[in-house]
Amino acid sequence: MHKSGFVNIVGNPNVGKSTLMNELVGERISIITNKSQTTRHRILGIVSGDDFQIVYSDTPGIIKPHYKLQEKMMGFVVSSFEDADIFLYVTDVVETPDKNMEYIEKLKNSKVPVLCLINKIDLVQPDKLKEFEDYWKESLPNAEVYLISALHKTNIDVVFERIFSLLPEGPAWFPKDQLTDKTERFIVSEIMREKILKNYQKEVPYACEVVVEEFKEEVKIIRIKVVIVVERPSQKGIVIGHKGSALKRVATHAREDMEVFFGKKVFIEVFVKVKKDWRDSDFNLRDFGYV
């Protein structure tokens, strides 16, 4: 008997969805920062064994959209409610639990199993955990509640075993050696975007999109050309920095991570271009893959 299923991870921003998926997959597929809206796309992480395949789906944090990019991001969340075999609803011990209650209502009415994962349990005293557990058992009566720390791997093995036990019978949807549905160019753009999020403040990282114009793999080296798109000339100046120092730092950190991921040397060229108000442009968003 072969088991397979789509395990969709949903929740509010900054509760640790991407950290959890990377732990469950065993590889760094989703980028992680302490900023909200880090994840913009729906990203699949695939775990396969001889008799099973689990397709995890990391989604953007649930927000109320203020511009078209965010509407597209929430479209990825909505799509994750349509094809799940199992839901992982991730919350934590920090967030206000009654945010975006319409999604809690959707999960209450779900016909598929829901695991409610209370993350970051290392941040509170053990005697407080019962309160969180009781709250979520009441809020999601159809869900199984688990206390976890994705960062410290606490109870991740327990969650995996439960997911495995709930998998329906089914074929492998992807080749057994495939790790994600995303291309190498997408991985490059996400690594670069992670460094942008970590190195710039305020609105600047949210106004950036990364486009990989060239990806040429040779025997000993990968040659990459990247364009960072911003919305205004002032943002371009900040991204480049004094005598190019900020851009050089971001490119260096990104290159180091790419070399680890791809297992070979990387040569990267990075340019910055302005596309006015691209986050509210249907044409630009389609061009950047938000469909």
C-alpha atoms as a PDB file:
ATOM      1  CA  MET A   1       0.000   0.000   0.000  1.00  0.00           C
ATOM      2  CA  HIS A   2       1.302   3.457  -0.975  1.00  0.00           C
ATOM      3  CA  LYS A   3       0.156   6.546   0.959  1.00  0.00           C
ATOM      4  CA  SER A   4       0.299  10.144  -0.233  1.00  0.00           C
ATOM      5  CA  GLY A   5      -1.283  13.476   0.525  1.00  0.00           C
ATOM      6  CA  PHE A   6      -1.153  17.247   0.505  1.00  0.00           C
ATOM      7  CA  VAL A   7      -0.438  18.736   3.946  1.00  0.00           C
ATOM      8  CA  ASN A   8      -1.192  22.459   3.834  1.00  0.00           C
ATOM      9  CA  ILE A   9       0.334  24.783   6.428  1.00  0.00           C
ATOM     10  CA  VAL A  10      -1.675  27.910   7.237  1.00  0.00           C
ATOM     11  CA  GLY A  11      -1.636  30.587   9.920  1.00  0.00           C
ATOM     12  CA  ASN A  12      -0.980  34.248  10.670  1.00  0.00           C
ATOM     13  CA  PRO A  13       2.351  35.964   9.879  1.00  0.00           C
ATOM     14  CA  ASN A  14       5.435  35.225  11.995  1.00  0.00           C
ATOM     15  CA  VAL A  15       4.136  32.147  13.800  1.00  0.00           C
ATOM     16  CA  GLY A  16       6.867  29.899  12.330  1.00  0.00           C
ATOM     17  CA  LYS A  17       5.184  28.220   9.343  1.00  0.00           C
ATOM     18  CA  SER A  18       8.304  28.291   7.172  1.00  0.00           C
ATOM     19  CA  THR A  19      10.574  27.062   9.985  1.00  0.00           C
ATOM     20  CA  LEU A  20       8.141  24.208  10.562  1.00  0.00           C
ATOM     21  CA  MET A  21       8.034  23.221   6.903  1.00  0.00           C
ATOM     22  CA  ASN A  22      11.812  23.236   6.624  1.00  0.00           C
ATOM     23  CA  GLU A  23      12.000  20.954   9.663  1.00  0.00           C
ATOM     24  CA  LEU A  24       9.366  18.574   8.319  1.00  0.00           C
ATOM     25  CA  VAL A  25      11.013  18.454   4.890  1.00  0.00           C
ATOM     26  CA  GLY A  26      14.550  18.248   6.287  1.00  0.00           C
ATOM     27  CA  GLU A  27      15.811  20.917   3.879  1.00  0.00           C
ATOM     28  CA  ARG A  28      15.770  24.710   3.795  1.00  0.00           C
ATOM     29  CA  ILE A  29      13.051  25.261   1.187  1.00  0.00           C
ATOM     30  CA  SER A  30      11.253  28.332   2.576  1.00  0.00           C
ATOM     31  CA  ILE A  31      13.094  31.503   3.541  1.00  0.00           C
ATOM     32  CA  ILE A  32      12.893  32.636   7.148  1.00  0.00           C
ATOM     33  CA  THR A  33      13.149  36.103   8.684  1.00  0.00           C
ATOM     34  CA  ASN A  34      11.583  37.816  11.674  1.00  0.00           C
ATOM     35  CA  LYS A  35       9.594  40.111   9.370  1.00  0.00           C
ATOM     36  CA  SER A  36       5.977  39.468   8.455  1.00  0.00           C
ATOM     37  CA  GLN A  37       5.061  38.733   4.820  1.00  0.00           C
ATOM     38  CA  THR A  38       8.356  36.910   4.238  1.00  0.00           C
ATOM     39  CA  THR A  39       6.575  34.171   2.282  1.00  0.00           C
ATOM     40  CA  ARG A  40       4.855  35.543  -0.831  1.00  0.00           C
ATOM     41  CA  HIS A  41       4.138  32.384  -2.803  1.00  0.00           C
ATOM     42  CA  ARG A  42       2.750  28.950  -2.096  1.00  0.00           C
ATOM     43  CA  ILE A  43       5.817  26.715  -1.868  1.00  0.00           C
ATOM     44  CA  LEU A  44       5.761  22.916  -1.901  1.00  0.00           C
ATOM     45  CA  GLY A  45       8.233  20.783   0.035  1.00  0.00           C
ATOM     46  CA  ILE A  46       8.174  17.090  -0.877  1.00  0.00           C
ATOM     47  CA  VAL A  47       9.122  14.199   1.417  1.00  0.00           C
ATOM     48  CA  SER A  48       9.182  10.711  -0.097  1.00  0.00           C
ATOM     49  CA  GLY A  49       9.805   7.194   1.145  1.00  0.00           C
ATOM     50  CA  ASP A  50       9.397   3.777  -0.445  1.00  0.00           C
ATOM     51  CA  ASP A  51       5.721   3.586   0.499  1.00  0.00           C
ATOM     52  CA  PHE A  52       4.678   7.221   0.959  1.00  0.00           C
ATOM     53  CA  GLN A  53       4.912  10.795  -0.315  1.00  0.00           C
ATOM     54  CA  ILE A  54       3.978  13.879   1.709  1.00  0.00           C
ATOM     55  CA  VAL A  55       3.589  17.167  -0.161  1.00  0.00           C
ATOM     56  CA  TYR A  56       3.826  20.020   2.339  1.00  0.00           C
ATOM     57  CA  SER A  57       2.574  23.448   1.281  1.00  0.00           C
ATOM     58  CA  ASP A  58       3.896  26.611   2.933  1.00  0.00           C
ATOM     59  CA  THR A  59       1.634  29.632   2.428  1.00  0.00           C
ATOM     60  CA  PRO A  60       1.874  33.388   3.068  1.00  0.00           C
ATOM     61  CA  GLY A  61       0.769  34.592   6.490  1.00  0.00           C
ATOM     62  CA  ILE A  62      -2.897  35.570   6.615  1.00  0.00           C
ATOM     63  CA  ILE A  63      -3.341  39.351   6.325  1.00  0.00           C
ATOM     64  CA  LYS A  64      -5.954  41.851   5.196  1.00  0.00           C
ATOM     65  CA  PRO A  65      -4.707  42.993   1.748  1.00  0.00           C
ATOM     66  CA  HIS A  66      -3.819  46.659   1.152  1.00  0.00           C
ATOM     67  CA  TYR A  67      -2.545  46.357  -2.418  1.00  0.00           C
ATOM     68  CA  LYS A  68      -2.697  43.898  -5.327  1.00  0.00           C
ATOM     69  CA  LEU A  69       0.433  41.949  -4.388  1.00  0.00           C
ATOM     70  CA  GLN A  70      -1.127  41.119  -1.024  1.00  0.00           C
ATOM     71  CA  GLU A  71      -4.379  40.126  -2.765  1.00  0.00           C
ATOM     72  CA  LYS A  72      -2.387  37.658  -4.883  1.00  0.00           C
ATOM     73  CA  MET A  73      -0.656  36.352  -1.740  1.00  0.00           C
ATOM     74  CA  MET A  74      -4.012  35.721  -0.068  1.00  0.00           C
ATOM     75  CA  GLY A  75      -5.114  33.947  -3.244  1.00  0.00           C
ATOM     76  CA  PHE A  76      -2.409  31.352  -2.519  1.00  0.00           C
ATOM     77  CA  VAL A  77      -3.846  30.916   0.995  1.00  0.00           C
ATOM     78  CA  VAL A  78      -7.374  30.447  -0.386  1.00  0.00           C
ATOM     79  CA  SER A  79      -6.128  27.837  -2.872  1.00  0.00           C
ATOM     80  CA  SER A  80      -4.575  25.875  -0.004  1.00  0.00           C
ATOM     81  CA  PHE A  81      -8.072  25.394   1.454  1.00  0.00           C
ATOM     82  CA  GLU A  82      -9.212  23.667  -1.732  1.00  0.00           C
ATOM     83  CA  ASP A  83      -6.829  20.727  -2.076  1.00  0.00           C
ATOM     84  CA  ALA A  84      -5.704  19.725   1.432  1.00  0.00           C
ATOM     85  CA  ASP A  85      -5.746  16.155   2.734  1.00  0.00           C
ATOM     86  CA  ILE A  86      -4.512  17.441   6.113  1.00  0.00           C
ATOM     87  CA  PHE A  87      -4.318  20.972   7.537  1.00  0.00           C
ATOM     88  CA  LEU A  88      -1.603  22.182   9.873  1.00  0.00           C
ATOM     89  CA  TYR A  89      -2.872  25.362  11.515  1.00  0.00           C
ATOM     90  CA  VAL A  90       0.125  27.048  13.126  1.00  0.00           C
ATOM     91  CA  THR A  91      -0.292  29.507  15.969  1.00  0.00           C
ATOM     92  CA  ASP A  92       2.141  30.446  18.732  1.00  0.00           C
ATOM     93  CA  VAL A  93       2.342  31.648  22.334  1.00  0.00           C
ATOM     94  CA  VAL A  94       2.977  35.264  21.243  1.00  0.00           C
ATOM     95  CA  GLU A  95       0.298  36.222  18.720  1.00  0.00           C
ATOM     96  CA  THR A  96      -3.177  37.514  19.491  1.00  0.00           C
ATOM     97  CA  PRO A  97      -5.169  34.324  18.900  1.00  0.00           C
ATOM     98  CA  ASP A  98      -8.390  35.883  17.608  1.00  0.00           C
ATOM     99  CA  LYS A  99      -6.852  37.472  14.477  1.00  0.00           C
ATOM    100  CA  ASN A 100      -8.447  36.568  11.120  1.00  0.00           C
ATOM    101  CA  MET A 101     -11.257  34.552  12.670  1.00  0.00           C
ATOM    102  CA  GLU A 102     -12.830  33.865   9.270  1.00  0.00           C
ATOM    103  CA  TYR A 103     -10.052  31.343   8.632  1.00  0.00           C
ATOM    104  CA  ILE A 104     -10.648  29.697  12.010  1.00  0.00           C
ATOM    105  CA  GLU A 105     -14.286  29.297  10.942  1.00  0.00           C
ATOM    106  CA  LYS A 106     -13.162  27.693   7.674  1.00  0.00           C
ATOM    107  CA  LEU A 107     -11.041  25.205   9.611  1.00  0.00           C
ATOM    108  CA  LYS A 108     -13.939  24.473  11.966  1.00  0.00           C
ATOM    109  CA  ASN A 109     -15.974  23.423   8.941  1.00  0.00           C
ATOM    110  CA  SER A 110     -13.156  21.449   7.358  1.00  0.00           C
ATOM    111  CA  LYS A 111     -13.948  17.935   6.180  1.00  0.00           C
ATOM    112  CA  VAL A 112     -10.276  16.924   6.413  1.00  0.00           C
ATOM    113  CA  PRO A 113      -8.167  16.416   9.572  1.00  0.00           C
ATOM    114  CA  VAL A 114      -6.816  19.566  11.251  1.00  0.00           C
ATOM    115  CA  LEU A 115      -3.737  19.576  13.481  1.00  0.00           C
ATOM    116  CA  CYS A 116      -3.439  22.789  15.512  1.00  0.00           C
ATOM    117  CA  LEU A 117       0.229  23.367  16.331  1.00  0.00           C
ATOM    118  CA  ILE A 118       1.030  25.811  19.142  1.00  0.00           C
ATOM    119  CA  ASN A 119       4.577  26.896  18.287  1.00  0.00           C
ATOM    120  CA  LYS A 120       7.368  28.629  20.283  1.00  0.00           C
ATOM    121  CA  ILE A 121       6.512  26.854  23.529  1.00  0.00           C
ATOM    122  CA  ASP A 122      10.073  27.524  24.692  1.00  0.00           C
ATOM    123  CA  LEU A 123       9.133  31.207  25.139  1.00  0.00           C
ATOM    124  CA  VAL A 124       6.715  30.700  28.058  1.00  0.00           C
ATOM    125  CA  GLN A 125       6.730  28.927  31.405  1.00  0.00           C
ATOM    126  CA  PRO A 126       5.477  25.325  31.248  1.00  0.00           C
ATOM    127  CA  ASP A 127       2.550  26.053  33.585  1.00  0.00           C
ATOM    128  CA  LYS A 128       1.158  28.540  31.012  1.00  0.00           C
ATOM    129  CA  LEU A 129       0.956  25.977  28.239  1.00  0.00           C
ATOM    130  CA  LYS A 130      -2.245  24.413  29.576  1.00  0.00           C
ATOM    131  CA  GLU A 131      -4.030  27.754  29.016  1.00  0.00           C
ATOM    132  CA  PHE A 132      -3.002  27.835  25.342  1.00  0.00           C
ATOM    133  CA  GLU A 133      -3.921  24.193  24.883  1.00  0.00           C
ATOM    134  CA  ASP A 134      -7.378  24.695  26.444  1.00  0.00           C
ATOM    135  CA  TYR A 135      -8.031  27.837  24.377  1.00  0.00           C
ATOM    136  CA  TRP A 136      -7.331  26.101  21.074  1.00  0.00           C
ATOM    137  CA  LYS A 137      -9.216  22.942  21.992  1.00  0.00           C
ATOM    138  CA  GLU A 138     -12.232  25.164  22.544  1.00  0.00           C
ATOM    139  CA  SER A 139     -11.635  27.357  19.470  1.00  0.00           C
ATOM    140  CA  LEU A 140     -11.020  24.422  17.111  1.00  0.00           C
ATOM    141  CA  PRO A 141     -12.992  21.523  18.612  1.00  0.00           C
ATOM    142  CA  ASN A 142     -12.460  19.372  15.521  1.00  0.00           C
ATOM    143  CA  ALA A 143      -8.655  19.738  15.670  1.00  0.00           C
ATOM    144  CA  GLU A 144      -5.949  17.786  17.434  1.00  0.00           C
ATOM    145  CA  VAL A 145      -3.752  20.188  19.433  1.00  0.00           C
ATOM    146  CA  TYR A 146       0.018  19.786  19.713  1.00  0.00           C
ATOM    147  CA  LEU A 147       2.603  21.850  21.622  1.00  0.00           C
ATOM    148  CA  ILE A 148       5.750  22.321  19.529  1.00  0.00           C
ATOM    149  CA  SER A 149       8.891  24.353  19.011  1.00  0.00           C
ATOM    150  CA  ALA A 150       9.846  24.255  15.336  1.00  0.00           C
ATOM    151  CA  LEU A 151      13.097  26.089  16.075  1.00  0.00           C
ATOM    152  CA  HIS A 152      14.182  23.565  18.716  1.00  0.00           C
ATOM    153  CA  LYS A 153      12.580  20.553  16.996  1.00  0.00           C
ATOM    154  CA  THR A 154      10.348  19.833  20.015  1.00  0.00           C
ATOM    155  CA  ASN A 155       7.589  17.316  19.161  1.00  0.00           C
ATOM    156  CA  ILE A 156       8.225  17.635  15.417  1.00  0.00           C
ATOM    157  CA  ASP A 157       8.683  13.860  15.245  1.00  0.00           C
ATOM    158  CA  VAL A 158       5.312  13.381  17.018  1.00  0.00           C
ATOM    159  CA  VAL A 159       3.592  15.657  14.466  1.00  0.00           C
ATOM    160  CA  PHE A 160       5.261  13.807  11.578  1.00  0.00           C
ATOM    161  CA  GLU A 161       4.092  10.427  12.901  1.00  0.00           C
ATOM    162  CA  ARG A 162       0.532  11.721  13.197  1.00  0.00           C
ATOM    163  CA  ILE A 163       0.612  13.156   9.673  1.00  0.00           C
ATOM    164  CA  PHE A 164       1.886   9.822   8.362  1.00  0.00           C
ATOM    165  CA  SER A 165      -0.903   7.929  10.129  1.00  0.00           C
ATOM    166  CA  LEU A 166      -3.546  10.245   8.597  1.00  0.00           C
ATOM    167  CA  LEU A 167      -2.279  10.005   4.997  1.00  0.00           C
ATOM    168  CA  PRO A 168      -4.789   8.485   2.585  1.00  0.00           C
ATOM    169  CA  GLU A 169      -3.849   5.807   0.102  1.00  0.00           C
ATOM    170  CA  GLY A 170      -2.629   7.312  -3.150  1.00  0.00           C
ATOM    171  CA  PRO A 171       0.125   7.469  -5.765  1.00  0.00           C
ATOM    172  CA  ALA A 172       3.264   9.590  -5.712  1.00  0.00           C
ATOM    173  CA  TRP A 173       2.374  12.925  -7.341  1.00  0.00           C
ATOM    174  CA  PHE A 174       6.016  13.898  -7.947  1.00  0.00           C
ATOM    175  CA  PRO A 175       9.234  12.000  -8.764  1.00  0.00           C
ATOM    176  CA  LYS A 176      10.602  10.471  -5.566  1.00  0.00           C
ATOM    177  CA  ASP A 177      13.852  12.448  -5.737  1.00  0.00           C
ATOM    178  CA  GLN A 178      12.106  15.828  -6.175  1.00  0.00           C
ATOM    179  CA  LEU A 179      12.361  18.203  -3.207  1.00  0.00           C
ATOM    180  CA  THR A 180      10.113  21.094  -4.269  1.00  0.00           C
ATOM    181  CA  ASP A 181       7.896  22.239  -7.119  1.00  0.00           C
ATOM    182  CA  LYS A 182       9.951  25.414  -7.506  1.00  0.00           C
ATOM    183  CA  THR A 183      12.712  25.968 -10.070  1.00  0.00           C
ATOM    184  CA  GLU A 184      16.349  26.728  -9.359  1.00  0.00           C
ATOM    185  CA  ARG A 185      15.699  30.320 -10.468  1.00  0.00           C
ATOM    186  CA  PHE A 186      12.925  30.605  -7.881  1.00  0.00           C
ATOM    187  CA  ILE A 187      15.258  29.304  -5.144  1.00  0.00           C
ATOM    188  CA  VAL A 188      17.852  31.907  -6.160  1.00  0.00           C
ATOM    189  CA  SER A 189      15.286  34.713  -6.057  1.00  0.00           C
ATOM    190  CA  GLU A 190      14.051  33.623  -2.609  1.00  0.00           C
ATOM    191  CA  ILE A 191      17.568  33.445  -1.154  1.00  0.00           C
ATOM    192  CA  MET A 192      18.249  36.946  -2.466  1.00  0.00           C
ATOM    193  CA  ARG A 193      14.940  38.222  -1.099  1.00  0.00           C
ATOM    194  CA  GLU A 194      15.716  36.766   2.315  1.00  0.00           C
ATOM    195  CA  LYS A 195      18.964  38.761   2.422  1.00  0.00           C
ATOM    196  CA  ILE A 196      17.081  41.911   1.383  1.00  0.00           C
ATOM    197  CA  LEU A 197      14.581  41.389   4.208  1.00  0.00           C
ATOM    198  CA  LYS A 198      17.407  40.938   6.709  1.00  0.00           C
ATOM    199  CA  ASN A 199      19.540  43.874   5.568  1.00  0.00           C
ATOM    200  CA  TYR A 200      17.044  46.692   4.942  1.00  0.00           C
ATOM    201  CA  GLN A 201      14.493  48.318   7.208  1.00  0.00           C
ATOM    202  CA  LYS A 202      10.975  49.781   7.097  1.00  0.00           C
ATOM    203  CA  GLU A 203       9.205  49.709   3.732  1.00  0.00           C
ATOM    204  CA  VAL A 204      12.230  49.051   1.506  1.00  0.00           C
ATOM    205  CA  PRO A 205      12.321  45.210   1.616  1.00  0.00           C
ATOM    206  CA  TYR A 206       8.568  45.002   0.966  1.00  0.00           C
ATOM    207  CA  ALA A 207       8.963  47.192  -2.131  1.00  0.00           C
ATOM    208  CA  CYS A 208      11.570  44.800  -3.595  1.00  0.00           C
ATOM    209  CA  GLU A 209      11.048  41.940  -6.014  1.00  0.00           C
ATOM    210  CA  VAL A 210      13.853  39.740  -7.332  1.00  0.00           C
ATOM    211  CA  VAL A 211      14.047  38.637 -10.969  1.00  0.00           C
ATOM    212  CA  VAL A 212      16.636  36.057 -12.086  1.00  0.00           C
ATOM    213  CA  GLU A 213      17.510  37.013 -15.655  1.00  0.00           C
ATOM    214  CA  GLU A 214      20.240  34.403 -16.173  1.00  0.00           C
ATOM    215  CA  PHE A 215      21.032  31.039 -14.578  1.00  0.00           C
ATOM    216  CA  LYS A 216      23.832  29.206 -16.372  1.00  0.00           C
ATOM    217  CA  GLU A 217      25.174  26.052 -14.765  1.00  0.00           C
ATOM    218  CA  GLU A 218      28.655  24.966 -15.842  1.00  0.00           C
ATOM    219  CA  VAL A 219      30.719  22.026 -14.589  1.00  0.00           C
ATOM    220  CA  LYS A 220      32.383  23.899 -11.712  1.00  0.00           C
ATOM    221  CA  ILE A 221      30.386  27.111 -11.383  1.00  0.00           C
ATOM    222  CA  ILE A 222      26.897  28.589 -11.701  1.00  0.00           C
ATOM    223  CA  ARG A 223      26.682  32.044 -13.277  1.00  0.00           C
ATOM    224  CA  ILE A 224      23.684  34.101 -12.183  1.00  0.00           C
ATOM    225  CA  LYS A 225      22.368  37.535 -13.154  1.00  0.00           C
ATOM    226  CA  VAL A 226      19.811  39.033 -10.777  1.00  0.00           C
ATOM    227  CA  VAL A 227      17.739  42.225 -10.959  1.00  0.00           C
ATOM    228  CA  ILE A 228      16.260  43.709  -7.792  1.00  0.00           C
ATOM    229  CA  VAL A 229      13.132  45.673  -8.693  1.00  0.00           C
ATOM    230  CA  VAL A 230      12.053  48.585  -6.469  1.00  0.00           C
ATOM    231  CA  GLU A 231       9.183  51.068  -6.717  1.00  0.00           C
ATOM    232  CA  ARG A 232      10.982  54.408  -6.372  1.00  0.00           C
ATOM    233  CA  PRO A 233      14.402  55.938  -7.171  1.00  0.00           C
ATOM    234  CA  SER A 234      14.952  56.710  -3.457  1.00  0.00           C
ATOM    235  CA  GLN A 235      14.603  52.997  -2.687  1.00  0.00           C
ATOM    236  CA  LYS A 236      17.132  52.192  -5.394  1.00  0.00           C
ATOM    237  CA  GLY A 237      19.654  54.452  -3.642  1.00  0.00           C
ATOM    238  CA  ILE A 238      19.070  52.723  -0.310  1.00  0.00           C
ATOM    239  CA  VAL A 239      19.391  49.242  -1.800  1.00  0.00           C
ATOM    240  CA  ILE A 240      22.689  50.133  -3.509  1.00  0.00           C
ATOM    241  CA  GLY A 241      24.082  52.045  -0.510  1.00  0.00           C
ATOM    242  CA  HIS A 242      27.171  54.272  -0.272  1.00  0.00           C
ATOM    243  CA  LYS A 243      29.521  53.315  -3.132  1.00  0.00           C
ATOM    244  CA  GLY A 244      27.540  50.090  -3.574  1.00  0.00           C
ATOM    245  CA  SER A 245      28.363  48.793  -0.090  1.00  0.00           C
ATOM    246  CA  ALA A 246      24.835  47.651   0.866  1.00  0.00           C
ATOM    247  CA  LEU A 247      24.246  45.836  -2.421  1.00  0.00           C
ATOM    248  CA  LYS A 248      27.653  44.141  -2.203  1.00  0.00           C
ATOM    249  CA  ARG A 249      26.889  42.887   1.318  1.00  0.00           C
ATOM    250  CA  VAL A 250      23.518  41.438   0.258  1.00  0.00           C
ATOM    251  CA  ALA A 251      25.013  39.800  -2.845  1.00  0.00           C
ATOM    252  CA  THR A 252      27.851  38.245  -0.822  1.00  0.00           C
ATOM    253  CA  HIS A 253      25.534  36.767   1.800  1.00  0.00           C
ATOM    254  CA  ALA A 254      23.195  35.459  -0.913  1.00  0.00           C
ATOM    255  CA  ARG A 255      26.064  33.916  -2.879  1.00  0.00           C
ATOM    256  CA  GLU A 256      27.318  32.078   0.222  1.00  0.00           C
ATOM    257  CA  ASP A 257      23.880  30.515   0.812  1.00  0.00           C
ATOM    258  CA  MET A 258      23.493  29.624  -2.864  1.00  0.00           C
ATOM    259  CA  GLU A 259      26.843  27.810  -2.847  1.00  0.00           C
ATOM    260  CA  VAL A 260      25.684  25.721   0.118  1.00  0.00           C
ATOM    261  CA  PHE A 261      22.317  24.950  -1.512  1.00  0.00           C
ATOM    262  CA  PHE A 262      23.669  24.077  -4.975  1.00  0.00           C
ATOM    263  CA  GLY A 263      26.926  22.512  -3.772  1.00  0.00           C
ATOM    264  CA  LYS A 264      29.195  24.430  -6.151  1.00  0.00           C
ATOM    265  CA  LYS A 265      30.745  27.835  -6.743  1.00  0.00           C
ATOM    266  CA  VAL A 266      28.439  30.693  -7.705  1.00  0.00           C
ATOM    267  CA  PHE A 267      29.267  33.883  -9.581  1.00  0.00           C
ATOM    268  CA  ILE A 268      26.514  36.455  -9.213  1.00  0.00           C
ATOM    269  CA  GLU A 269      25.864  39.861 -10.783  1.00  0.00           C
ATOM    270  CA  VAL A 270      23.187  42.042  -9.184  1.00  0.00           C
ATOM    271  CA  PHE A 271      21.502  45.120 -10.661  1.00  0.00           C
ATOM    272  CA  VAL A 272      18.735  47.403  -9.337  1.00  0.00           C
ATOM    273  CA  LYS A 273      15.874  48.755 -11.464  1.00  0.00           C
ATOM    274  CA  VAL A 274      12.852  50.947 -10.734  1.00  0.00           C
ATOM    275  CA  LYS A 275       9.334  49.860 -11.785  1.00  0.00           C
ATOM    276  CA  LYS A 276       6.949  52.423 -10.367  1.00  0.00           C
ATOM    277  CA  ASP A 277       4.252  50.974  -8.082  1.00  0.00           C
ATOM    278  CA  TRP A 278       4.833  47.419  -9.313  1.00  0.00           C
ATOM    279  CA  ARG A 279       2.950  45.979  -6.302  1.00  0.00           C
ATOM    280  CA  ASP A 280      -0.301  47.439  -7.669  1.00  0.00           C
ATOM    281  CA  SER A 281       0.305  46.584 -11.327  1.00  0.00           C
ATOM    282  CA  ASP A 282      -1.494  43.530 -12.720  1.00  0.00           C
ATOM    283  CA  PHE A 283       0.954  43.432 -15.630  1.00  0.00           C
ATOM    284  CA  ASN A 284       4.062  43.465 -13.400  1.00  0.00           C
ATOM    285  CA  LEU A 285       2.613  40.995 -10.909  1.00  0.00           C
ATOM    286  CA  ARG A 286       1.817  38.544 -13.731  1.00  0.00           C
ATOM    287  CA  ASP A 287       5.329  39.056 -15.075  1.00  0.00           C
ATOM    288  CA  PHE A 288       6.765  38.247 -11.629  1.00  0.00           C
ATOM    289  CA  GLY A 289       4.763  35.013 -11.333  1.00  0.00           C
ATOM    290  CA  TYR A 290       1.883  36.115  -9.096  1.00  0.00           C
ATOM    291  CA  VAL A 291      -0.911  34.386 -10.986  1.00  0.00           C
END
